[in-house]
Amino acid sequence: SYGAMYKYLHSKRSARDGNFDLVKIPLQLRWNHVDNLLNPTEGGTIQLKIVPTAQIFAPQFAYSINTFTGTYYQPFDEEKKYVFATKLLYGNILG
């Protein structure tokens, strides 16, 4: 998935107080291999999300928010009443 977004930010509590006009372009890739989307009991997902952001007026700057998420589900019994579920999330901001 992809998109575009404009965000006006008024900051009073940072080292760089002021008004900021930010343009964001969220990009997302997701692979889903679970048995039930709302109540998964078996399978896994992988998601990569990148949101490049730029300040369009002075002072100009740019950064990118990046996240990687992986989930895994493994049932303990045949009825899938008890499920081992785990989630791994890694993120960083470059800029």
PDB file of N, CA and C in Angstrom:
ATOM      1  N   SER A   1       0.840  -1.176   0.000  1.00  0.00           N
ATOM      2  CA  SER A   1       0.000   0.000   0.000  1.00  0.00           C
ATOM      3  C   SER A   1       0.888   1.243   0.000  1.00  0.00           C
ATOM      4  N   TYR A   2       0.324   2.331  -0.389  1.00  0.00           N
ATOM      5  CA  TYR A   2       1.053   3.594  -0.431  1.00  0.00           C
ATOM      6  C   TYR A   2       0.053   4.734  -0.257  1.00  0.00           C
ATOM      7  N   GLY A   3       0.565   5.916  -0.045  1.00  0.00           N
ATOM      8  CA  GLY A   3      -0.300   7.074   0.118  1.00  0.00           C
ATOM      9  C   GLY A   3       0.515   8.345   0.213  1.00  0.00           C
ATOM     10  N   ALA A   4      -0.177   9.429   0.481  1.00  0.00           N
ATOM     11  CA  ALA A   4       0.460  10.733   0.667  1.00  0.00           C
ATOM     12  C   ALA A   4      -0.264  11.452   1.791  1.00  0.00           C
ATOM     13  N   MET A   5       0.488  12.249   2.529  1.00  0.00           N
ATOM     14  CA  MET A   5      -0.090  12.908   3.683  1.00  0.00           C
ATOM     15  C   MET A   5       0.620  14.246   3.923  1.00  0.00           C
ATOM     16  N   TYR A   6      -0.139  15.242   4.336  1.00  0.00           N
ATOM     17  CA  TYR A   6       0.412  16.525   4.763  1.00  0.00           C
ATOM     18  C   TYR A   6       0.100  16.685   6.241  1.00  0.00           C
ATOM     19  N   LYS A   7       1.083  17.156   7.001  1.00  0.00           N
ATOM     20  CA  LYS A   7       0.874  17.352   8.429  1.00  0.00           C
ATOM     21  C   LYS A   7       1.458  18.697   8.840  1.00  0.00           C
ATOM     22  N   TYR A   8       0.639  19.524   9.474  1.00  0.00           N
ATOM     23  CA  TYR A   8       1.092  20.788  10.038  1.00  0.00           C
ATOM     24  C   TYR A   8       1.362  20.558  11.516  1.00  0.00           C
ATOM     25  N   LEU A   9       2.563  20.878  11.955  1.00  0.00           N
ATOM     26  CA  LEU A   9       2.966  20.630  13.330  1.00  0.00           C
ATOM     27  C   LEU A   9       3.394  21.937  13.980  1.00  0.00           C
ATOM     28  N   HIS A  10       2.821  22.237  15.136  1.00  0.00           N
ATOM     29  CA  HIS A  10       3.195  23.411  15.916  1.00  0.00           C
ATOM     30  C   HIS A  10       3.821  22.905  17.208  1.00  0.00           C
ATOM     31  N   SER A  11       5.125  23.103  17.357  1.00  0.00           N
ATOM     32  CA  SER A  11       5.862  22.574  18.494  1.00  0.00           C
ATOM     33  C   SER A  11       6.260  23.688  19.452  1.00  0.00           C
ATOM     34  N   LYS A  12       5.987  23.480  20.743  1.00  0.00           N
ATOM     35  CA  LYS A  12       6.381  24.439  21.783  1.00  0.00           C
ATOM     36  C   LYS A  12       7.324  23.833  22.814  1.00  0.00           C
ATOM     37  N   ARG A  13       7.517  22.497  22.767  1.00  0.00           N
ATOM     38  CA  ARG A  13       8.259  21.820  23.828  1.00  0.00           C
ATOM     39  C   ARG A  13       9.466  21.050  23.310  1.00  0.00           C
ATOM     40  N   SER A  14      10.160  21.585  22.353  1.00  0.00           N
ATOM     41  CA  SER A  14      11.344  20.900  21.842  1.00  0.00           C
ATOM     42  C   SER A  14      12.485  21.894  21.672  1.00  0.00           C
ATOM     43  N   ALA A  15      13.638  21.366  21.306  1.00  0.00           N
ATOM     44  CA  ALA A  15      14.797  22.232  21.072  1.00  0.00           C
ATOM     45  C   ALA A  15      14.608  23.089  19.827  1.00  0.00           C
ATOM     46  N   ARG A  16      13.747  22.644  18.901  1.00  0.00           N
ATOM     47  CA  ARG A  16      13.485  23.388  17.664  1.00  0.00           C
ATOM     48  C   ARG A  16      12.018  23.794  17.631  1.00  0.00           C
ATOM     49  N   ASP A  17      11.614  24.687  18.526  1.00  0.00           N
ATOM     50  CA  ASP A  17      10.229  25.151  18.554  1.00  0.00           C
ATOM     51  C   ASP A  17       9.876  25.872  17.262  1.00  0.00           C
ATOM     52  N   GLY A  18       8.604  25.769  16.874  1.00  0.00           N
ATOM     53  CA  GLY A  18       8.153  26.472  15.686  1.00  0.00           C
ATOM     54  C   GLY A  18       7.070  25.708  14.959  1.00  0.00           C
ATOM     55  N   ASN A  19       6.793  26.156  13.744  1.00  0.00           N
ATOM     56  CA  ASN A  19       5.787  25.538  12.884  1.00  0.00           C
ATOM     57  C   ASN A  19       6.478  24.750  11.777  1.00  0.00           C
ATOM     58  N   PHE A  20       5.939  23.581  11.490  1.00  0.00           N
ATOM     59  CA  PHE A  20       6.536  22.705  10.494  1.00  0.00           C
ATOM     60  C   PHE A  20       5.459  22.212   9.540  1.00  0.00           C
ATOM     61  N   ASP A  21       5.738  22.251   8.252  1.00  0.00           N
ATOM     62  CA  ASP A  21       4.863  21.726   7.208  1.00  0.00           C
ATOM     63  C   ASP A  21       5.512  20.459   6.655  1.00  0.00           C
ATOM     64  N   LEU A  22       4.973  19.313   7.041  1.00  0.00           N
ATOM     65  CA  LEU A  22       5.589  18.037   6.701  1.00  0.00           C
ATOM     66  C   LEU A  22       4.802  17.320   5.611  1.00  0.00           C
ATOM     67  N   VAL A  23       5.508  16.769   4.646  1.00  0.00           N
ATOM     68  CA  VAL A  23       4.913  15.921   3.614  1.00  0.00           C
ATOM     69  C   VAL A  23       5.420  14.500   3.858  1.00  0.00           C
ATOM     70  N   LYS A  24       4.472  13.555   3.965  1.00  0.00           N
ATOM     71  CA  LYS A  24       4.817  12.164   4.247  1.00  0.00           C
ATOM     72  C   LYS A  24       4.279  11.275   3.140  1.00  0.00           C
ATOM     73  N   ILE A  25       5.044  10.236   2.807  1.00  0.00           N
ATOM     74  CA  ILE A  25       4.620   9.256   1.799  1.00  0.00           C
ATOM     75  C   ILE A  25       4.744   7.865   2.425  1.00  0.00           C
ATOM     76  N   PRO A  26       3.680   7.397   3.111  1.00  0.00           N
ATOM     77  CA  PRO A  26       3.757   6.072   3.735  1.00  0.00           C
ATOM     78  C   PRO A  26       3.733   4.947   2.697  1.00  0.00           C
ATOM     79  N   LEU A  27       4.677   4.021   2.821  1.00  0.00           N
ATOM     80  CA  LEU A  27       4.779   2.852   1.946  1.00  0.00           C
ATOM     81  C   LEU A  27       4.765   1.607   2.833  1.00  0.00           C
ATOM     82  N   GLN A  28       4.010   0.587   2.418  1.00  0.00           N
ATOM     83  CA  GLN A  28       3.901  -0.609   3.250  1.00  0.00           C
ATOM     84  C   GLN A  28       3.804  -1.869   2.400  1.00  0.00           C
ATOM     85  N   LEU A  29       4.582  -2.872   2.786  1.00  0.00           N
ATOM     86  CA  LEU A  29       4.501  -4.202   2.186  1.00  0.00           C
ATOM     87  C   LEU A  29       4.114  -5.176   3.289  1.00  0.00           C
ATOM     88  N   ARG A  30       3.154  -6.067   2.990  1.00  0.00           N
ATOM     89  CA  ARG A  30       2.727  -7.038   3.999  1.00  0.00           C
ATOM     90  C   ARG A  30       2.494  -8.396   3.360  1.00  0.00           C
ATOM     91  N   TRP A  31       3.065  -9.422   3.977  1.00  0.00           N
ATOM     92  CA  TRP A  31       2.836 -10.799   3.575  1.00  0.00           C
ATOM     93  C   TRP A  31       2.094 -11.466   4.720  1.00  0.00           C
ATOM     94  N   ASN A  32       0.961 -12.103   4.405  1.00  0.00           N
ATOM     95  CA  ASN A  32       0.106 -12.681   5.422  1.00  0.00           C
ATOM     96  C   ASN A  32      -0.137 -14.147   5.094  1.00  0.00           C
ATOM     97  N   HIS A  33       0.178 -15.015   6.037  1.00  0.00           N
ATOM     98  CA  HIS A  33      -0.046 -16.444   5.849  1.00  0.00           C
ATOM     99  C   HIS A  33      -0.577 -17.033   7.165  1.00  0.00           C
ATOM    100  N   VAL A  34      -1.723 -16.517   7.625  1.00  0.00           N
ATOM    101  CA  VAL A  34      -2.373 -17.034   8.829  1.00  0.00           C
ATOM    102  C   VAL A  34      -3.693 -17.686   8.441  1.00  0.00           C
ATOM    103  N   ASP A  35      -4.187 -18.563   9.297  1.00  0.00           N
ATOM    104  CA  ASP A  35      -5.408 -19.290   8.987  1.00  0.00           C
ATOM    105  C   ASP A  35      -6.670 -18.452   9.185  1.00  0.00           C
ATOM    106  N   ASN A  36      -6.633 -17.446  10.057  1.00  0.00           N
ATOM    107  CA  ASN A  36      -7.789 -16.591  10.310  1.00  0.00           C
ATOM    108  C   ASN A  36      -7.274 -15.183  10.578  1.00  0.00           C
ATOM    109  N   LEU A  37      -7.746 -14.214   9.825  1.00  0.00           N
ATOM    110  CA  LEU A  37      -7.230 -12.853   9.940  1.00  0.00           C
ATOM    111  C   LEU A  37      -7.546 -12.205  11.293  1.00  0.00           C
ATOM    112  N   LEU A  38      -8.737 -12.463  11.859  1.00  0.00           N
ATOM    113  CA  LEU A  38      -9.130 -11.841  13.121  1.00  0.00           C
ATOM    114  C   LEU A  38      -8.733 -12.654  14.348  1.00  0.00           C
ATOM    115  N   ASN A  39      -8.587 -13.957  14.204  1.00  0.00           N
ATOM    116  CA  ASN A  39      -8.212 -14.816  15.321  1.00  0.00           C
ATOM    117  C   ASN A  39      -7.207 -15.869  14.838  1.00  0.00           C
ATOM    118  N   PRO A  40      -5.970 -15.465  14.564  1.00  0.00           N
ATOM    119  CA  PRO A  40      -5.012 -16.421  13.999  1.00  0.00           C
ATOM    120  C   PRO A  40      -4.589 -17.465  15.031  1.00  0.00           C
ATOM    121  N   THR A  41      -4.498 -18.703  14.576  1.00  0.00           N
ATOM    122  CA  THR A  41      -4.013 -19.788  15.423  1.00  0.00           C
ATOM    123  C   THR A  41      -2.854 -20.534  14.776  1.00  0.00           C
ATOM    124  N   GLU A  42      -2.563 -20.247  13.513  1.00  0.00           N
ATOM    125  CA  GLU A  42      -1.481 -20.933  12.822  1.00  0.00           C
ATOM    126  C   GLU A  42      -0.985 -20.054  11.678  1.00  0.00           C
ATOM    127  N   GLY A  43       0.334 -19.989  11.498  1.00  0.00           N
ATOM    128  CA  GLY A  43       0.910 -19.232  10.393  1.00  0.00           C
ATOM    129  C   GLY A  43       1.710 -18.034  10.877  1.00  0.00           C
ATOM    130  N   GLY A  44       1.851 -17.047   9.998  1.00  0.00           N
ATOM    131  CA  GLY A  44       2.626 -15.876  10.353  1.00  0.00           C
ATOM    132  C   GLY A  44       2.429 -14.725   9.384  1.00  0.00           C
ATOM    133  N   THR A  45       2.960 -13.567   9.750  1.00  0.00           N
ATOM    134  CA  THR A  45       2.903 -12.371   8.908  1.00  0.00           C
ATOM    135  C   THR A  45       4.265 -11.678   8.945  1.00  0.00           C
ATOM    136  N   ILE A  46       4.553 -10.946   7.885  1.00  0.00           N
ATOM    137  CA  ILE A  46       5.730 -10.076   7.816  1.00  0.00           C
ATOM    138  C   ILE A  46       5.267  -8.741   7.251  1.00  0.00           C
ATOM    139  N   GLN A  47       5.672  -7.650   7.888  1.00  0.00           N
ATOM    140  CA  GLN A  47       5.267  -6.313   7.436  1.00  0.00           C
ATOM    141  C   GLN A  47       6.466  -5.377   7.475  1.00  0.00           C
ATOM    142  N   LEU A  48       6.653  -4.634   6.401  1.00  0.00           N
ATOM    143  CA  LEU A  48       7.688  -3.605   6.308  1.00  0.00           C
ATOM    144  C   LEU A  48       6.992  -2.290   5.998  1.00  0.00           C
ATOM    145  N   LYS A  49       7.213  -1.292   6.848  1.00  0.00           N
ATOM    146  CA  LYS A  49       6.583   0.025   6.655  1.00  0.00           C
ATOM    147  C   LYS A  49       7.669   1.090   6.663  1.00  0.00           C
ATOM    148  N   ILE A  50       7.661   1.948   5.634  1.00  0.00           N
ATOM    149  CA  ILE A  50       8.626   3.036   5.492  1.00  0.00           C
ATOM    150  C   ILE A  50       7.836   4.322   5.260  1.00  0.00           C
ATOM    151  N   VAL A  51       8.139   5.351   6.058  1.00  0.00           N
ATOM    152  CA  VAL A  51       7.438   6.627   5.922  1.00  0.00           C
ATOM    153  C   VAL A  51       8.473   7.741   5.748  1.00  0.00           C
ATOM    154  N   PRO A  52       8.897   8.020   4.491  1.00  0.00           N
ATOM    155  CA  PRO A  52       9.785   9.160   4.268  1.00  0.00           C
ATOM    156  C   PRO A  52       9.022  10.468   4.492  1.00  0.00           C
ATOM    157  N   THR A  53       9.676  11.405   5.165  1.00  0.00           N
ATOM    158  CA  THR A  53       9.048  12.670   5.539  1.00  0.00           C
ATOM    159  C   THR A  53       9.997  13.814   5.220  1.00  0.00           C
ATOM    160  N   ALA A  54       9.441  14.916   4.713  1.00  0.00           N
ATOM    161  CA  ALA A  54      10.263  16.092   4.387  1.00  0.00           C
ATOM    162  C   ALA A  54       9.556  17.355   4.845  1.00  0.00           C
ATOM    163  N   GLN A  55      10.332  18.283   5.381  1.00  0.00           N
ATOM    164  CA  GLN A  55       9.851  19.629   5.710  1.00  0.00           C
ATOM    165  C   GLN A  55       9.961  20.436   4.422  1.00  0.00           C
ATOM    166  N   ILE A  56       8.827  21.016   3.967  1.00  0.00           N
ATOM    167  CA  ILE A  56       8.836  21.639   2.644  1.00  0.00           C
ATOM    168  C   ILE A  56       9.274  23.101   2.652  1.00  0.00           C
ATOM    169  N   PHE A  57       9.211  23.785   3.794  1.00  0.00           N
ATOM    170  CA  PHE A  57       9.673  25.179   3.882  1.00  0.00           C
ATOM    171  C   PHE A  57      10.887  25.243   4.794  1.00  0.00           C
ATOM    172  N   ALA A  58      11.565  26.382   4.816  1.00  0.00           N
ATOM    173  CA  ALA A  58      12.765  26.539   5.636  1.00  0.00           C
ATOM    174  C   ALA A  58      12.401  26.443   7.113  1.00  0.00           C
ATOM    175  N   PRO A  59      13.191  25.816   7.911  1.00  0.00           N
ATOM    176  CA  PRO A  59      14.412  25.078   7.578  1.00  0.00           C
ATOM    177  C   PRO A  59      14.055  23.713   6.984  1.00  0.00           C
ATOM    178  N   GLN A  60      14.662  23.389   5.873  1.00  0.00           N
ATOM    179  CA  GLN A  60      14.346  22.132   5.201  1.00  0.00           C
ATOM    180  C   GLN A  60      15.144  20.983   5.808  1.00  0.00           C
ATOM    181  N   PHE A  61      14.463  19.868   6.003  1.00  0.00           N
ATOM    182  CA  PHE A  61      15.107  18.655   6.498  1.00  0.00           C
ATOM    183  C   PHE A  61      14.260  17.466   6.070  1.00  0.00           C
ATOM    184  N   ALA A  62      14.810  16.280   6.205  1.00  0.00           N
ATOM    185  CA  ALA A  62      14.090  15.058   5.833  1.00  0.00           C
ATOM    186  C   ALA A  62      14.487  13.938   6.786  1.00  0.00           C
ATOM    187  N   TYR A  63      13.573  13.003   6.975  1.00  0.00           N
ATOM    188  CA  TYR A  63      13.848  11.814   7.769  1.00  0.00           C
ATOM    189  C   TYR A  63      12.918  10.698   7.313  1.00  0.00           C
ATOM    190  N   SER A  64      13.191   9.487   7.769  1.00  0.00           N
ATOM    191  CA  SER A  64      12.371   8.337   7.411  1.00  0.00           C
ATOM    192  C   SER A  64      12.137   7.480   8.653  1.00  0.00           C
ATOM    193  N   ILE A  65      10.874   7.119   8.890  1.00  0.00           N
ATOM    194  CA  ILE A  65      10.510   6.217   9.983  1.00  0.00           C
ATOM    195  C   ILE A  65      10.338   4.831   9.374  1.00  0.00           C
ATOM    196  N   ASN A  66      11.103   3.862   9.859  1.00  0.00           N
ATOM    197  CA  ASN A  66      11.110   2.517   9.285  1.00  0.00           C
ATOM    198  C   ASN A  66      10.751   1.500  10.366  1.00  0.00           C
ATOM    199  N   THR A  67       9.816   0.588  10.063  1.00  0.00           N
ATOM    200  CA  THR A  67       9.473  -0.471  11.001  1.00  0.00           C
ATOM    201  C   THR A  67       9.351  -1.804  10.270  1.00  0.00           C
ATOM    202  N   PHE A  68       9.813  -2.845  10.948  1.00  0.00           N
ATOM    203  CA  PHE A  68       9.681  -4.214  10.466  1.00  0.00           C
ATOM    204  C   PHE A  68       8.972  -4.993  11.561  1.00  0.00           C
ATOM    205  N   THR A  69       7.898  -5.700  11.208  1.00  0.00           N
ATOM    206  CA  THR A  69       7.129  -6.478  12.168  1.00  0.00           C
ATOM    207  C   THR A  69       6.942  -7.893  11.645  1.00  0.00           C
ATOM    208  N   GLY A  70       7.163  -8.865  12.498  1.00  0.00           N
ATOM    209  CA  GLY A  70       6.923 -10.262  12.160  1.00  0.00           C
ATOM    210  C   GLY A  70       6.130 -10.922  13.265  1.00  0.00           C
ATOM    211  N   THR A  71       5.144 -11.738  12.905  1.00  0.00           N
ATOM    212  CA  THR A  71       4.370 -12.491  13.889  1.00  0.00           C
ATOM    213  C   THR A  71       4.399 -13.969  13.508  1.00  0.00           C
ATOM    214  N   TYR A  72       4.226 -14.818  14.529  1.00  0.00           N
ATOM    215  CA  TYR A  72       4.215 -16.262  14.293  1.00  0.00           C
ATOM    216  C   TYR A  72       3.246 -16.912  15.277  1.00  0.00           C
ATOM    217  N   TYR A  73       2.417 -17.828  14.784  1.00  0.00           N
ATOM    218  CA  TYR A  73       1.426 -18.529  15.586  1.00  0.00           C
ATOM    219  C   TYR A  73       1.591 -20.029  15.381  1.00  0.00           C
ATOM    220  N   GLN A  74       1.670 -20.776  16.495  1.00  0.00           N
ATOM    221  CA  GLN A  74       1.809 -22.228  16.437  1.00  0.00           C
ATOM    222  C   GLN A  74       0.889 -22.852  17.488  1.00  0.00           C
ATOM    223  N   PRO A  75      -0.087 -23.657  17.061  1.00  0.00           N
ATOM    224  CA  PRO A  75      -0.984 -24.283  18.044  1.00  0.00           C
ATOM    225  C   PRO A  75      -0.271 -25.407  18.810  1.00  0.00           C
ATOM    226  N   PHE A  76      -0.642 -25.571  20.090  1.00  0.00           N
ATOM    227  CA  PHE A  76      -0.097 -26.639  20.918  1.00  0.00           C
ATOM    228  C   PHE A  76      -0.900 -27.928  20.806  1.00  0.00           C
ATOM    229  N   ASP A  77      -2.181 -27.820  20.467  1.00  0.00           N
ATOM    230  CA  ASP A  77      -3.042 -28.992  20.393  1.00  0.00           C
ATOM    231  C   ASP A  77      -3.802 -29.013  19.064  1.00  0.00           C
ATOM    232  N   GLU A  78      -4.441 -30.142  18.767  1.00  0.00           N
ATOM    233  CA  GLU A  78      -5.153 -30.285  17.492  1.00  0.00           C
ATOM    234  C   GLU A  78      -6.400 -29.420  17.398  1.00  0.00           C
ATOM    235  N   GLU A  79      -7.031 -29.125  18.511  1.00  0.00           N
ATOM    236  CA  GLU A  79      -8.230 -28.272  18.507  1.00  0.00           C
ATOM    237  C   GLU A  79      -7.883 -26.786  18.377  1.00  0.00           C
ATOM    238  N   LYS A  80      -6.609 -26.469  18.444  1.00  0.00           N
ATOM    239  CA  LYS A  80      -6.097 -25.088  18.372  1.00  0.00           C
ATOM    240  C   LYS A  80      -6.675 -24.219  19.487  1.00  0.00           C
ATOM    241  N   LYS A  81      -6.844 -24.827  20.656  1.00  0.00           N
ATOM    242  CA  LYS A  81      -7.338 -24.093  21.821  1.00  0.00           C
ATOM    243  C   LYS A  81      -6.207 -23.306  22.489  1.00  0.00           C
ATOM    244  N   TYR A  82      -5.002 -23.879  22.479  1.00  0.00           N
ATOM    245  CA  TYR A  82      -3.834 -23.222  23.062  1.00  0.00           C
ATOM    246  C   TYR A  82      -2.841 -22.936  21.943  1.00  0.00           C
ATOM    247  N   VAL A  83      -2.440 -21.669  21.850  1.00  0.00           N
ATOM    248  CA  VAL A  83      -1.595 -21.223  20.739  1.00  0.00           C
ATOM    249  C   VAL A  83      -0.392 -20.459  21.293  1.00  0.00           C
ATOM    250  N   PHE A  84       0.787 -20.808  20.788  1.00  0.00           N
ATOM    251  CA  PHE A  84       1.987 -20.024  21.058  1.00  0.00           C
ATOM    252  C   PHE A  84       2.021 -18.889  20.042  1.00  0.00           C
ATOM    253  N   ALA A  85       2.033 -17.659  20.534  1.00  0.00           N
ATOM    254  CA  ALA A  85       2.043 -16.490  19.651  1.00  0.00           C
ATOM    255  C   ALA A  85       3.235 -15.611  20.016  1.00  0.00           C
ATOM    256  N   THR A  86       3.939 -15.141  19.004  1.00  0.00           N
ATOM    257  CA  THR A  86       5.075 -14.257  19.244  1.00  0.00           C
ATOM    258  C   THR A  86       5.084 -13.141  18.211  1.00  0.00           C
ATOM    259  N   LYS A  87       5.682 -12.031  18.602  1.00  0.00           N
ATOM    260  CA  LYS A  87       5.755 -10.868  17.722  1.00  0.00           C
ATOM    261  C   LYS A  87       7.130 -10.231  17.875  1.00  0.00           C
ATOM    262  N   LEU A  88       7.728  -9.896  16.743  1.00  0.00           N
ATOM    263  CA  LEU A  88       9.026  -9.220  16.720  1.00  0.00           C
ATOM    264  C   LEU A  88       8.832  -7.887  16.020  1.00  0.00           C
ATOM    265  N   LEU A  89       9.266  -6.807  16.651  1.00  0.00           N
ATOM    266  CA  LEU A  89       9.138  -5.469  16.081  1.00  0.00           C
ATOM    267  C   LEU A  89      10.479  -4.762  16.173  1.00  0.00           C
ATOM    268  N   TYR A  90      10.930  -4.230  15.038  1.00  0.00           N
ATOM    269  CA  TYR A  90      12.171  -3.465  15.001  1.00  0.00           C
ATOM    270  C   TYR A  90      11.858  -2.156  14.261  1.00  0.00           C
ATOM    271  N   GLY A  91      12.354  -1.058  14.794  1.00  0.00           N
ATOM    272  CA  GLY A  91      12.127   0.214  14.138  1.00  0.00           C
ATOM    273  C   GLY A  91      13.296   1.163  14.319  1.00  0.00           C
ATOM    274  N   ASN A  92      13.405   2.117  13.407  1.00  0.00           N
ATOM    275  CA  ASN A  92      14.412   3.157  13.527  1.00  0.00           C
ATOM    276  C   ASN A  92      13.955   4.390  12.770  1.00  0.00           C
ATOM    277  N   ILE A  93      14.610   5.483  13.064  1.00  0.00           N
ATOM    278  CA  ILE A  93      14.370   6.753  12.356  1.00  0.00           C
ATOM    279  C   ILE A  93      15.706   7.207  11.792  1.00  0.00           C
ATOM    280  N   LEU A  94      15.764   7.358  10.480  1.00  0.00           N
ATOM    281  CA  LEU A  94      16.975   7.822   9.814  1.00  0.00           C
ATOM    282  C   LEU A  94      16.764   9.243   9.323  1.00  0.00           C
ATOM    283  N   GLY A  95      17.730  10.089   9.532  1.00  0.00           N
ATOM    284  CA  GLY A  95      17.600  11.438   9.016  1.00  0.00           C
ATOM    285  C   GLY A  95      18.466  12.421   9.740  1.00  0.00           C
TER     286      GLY A  95
END
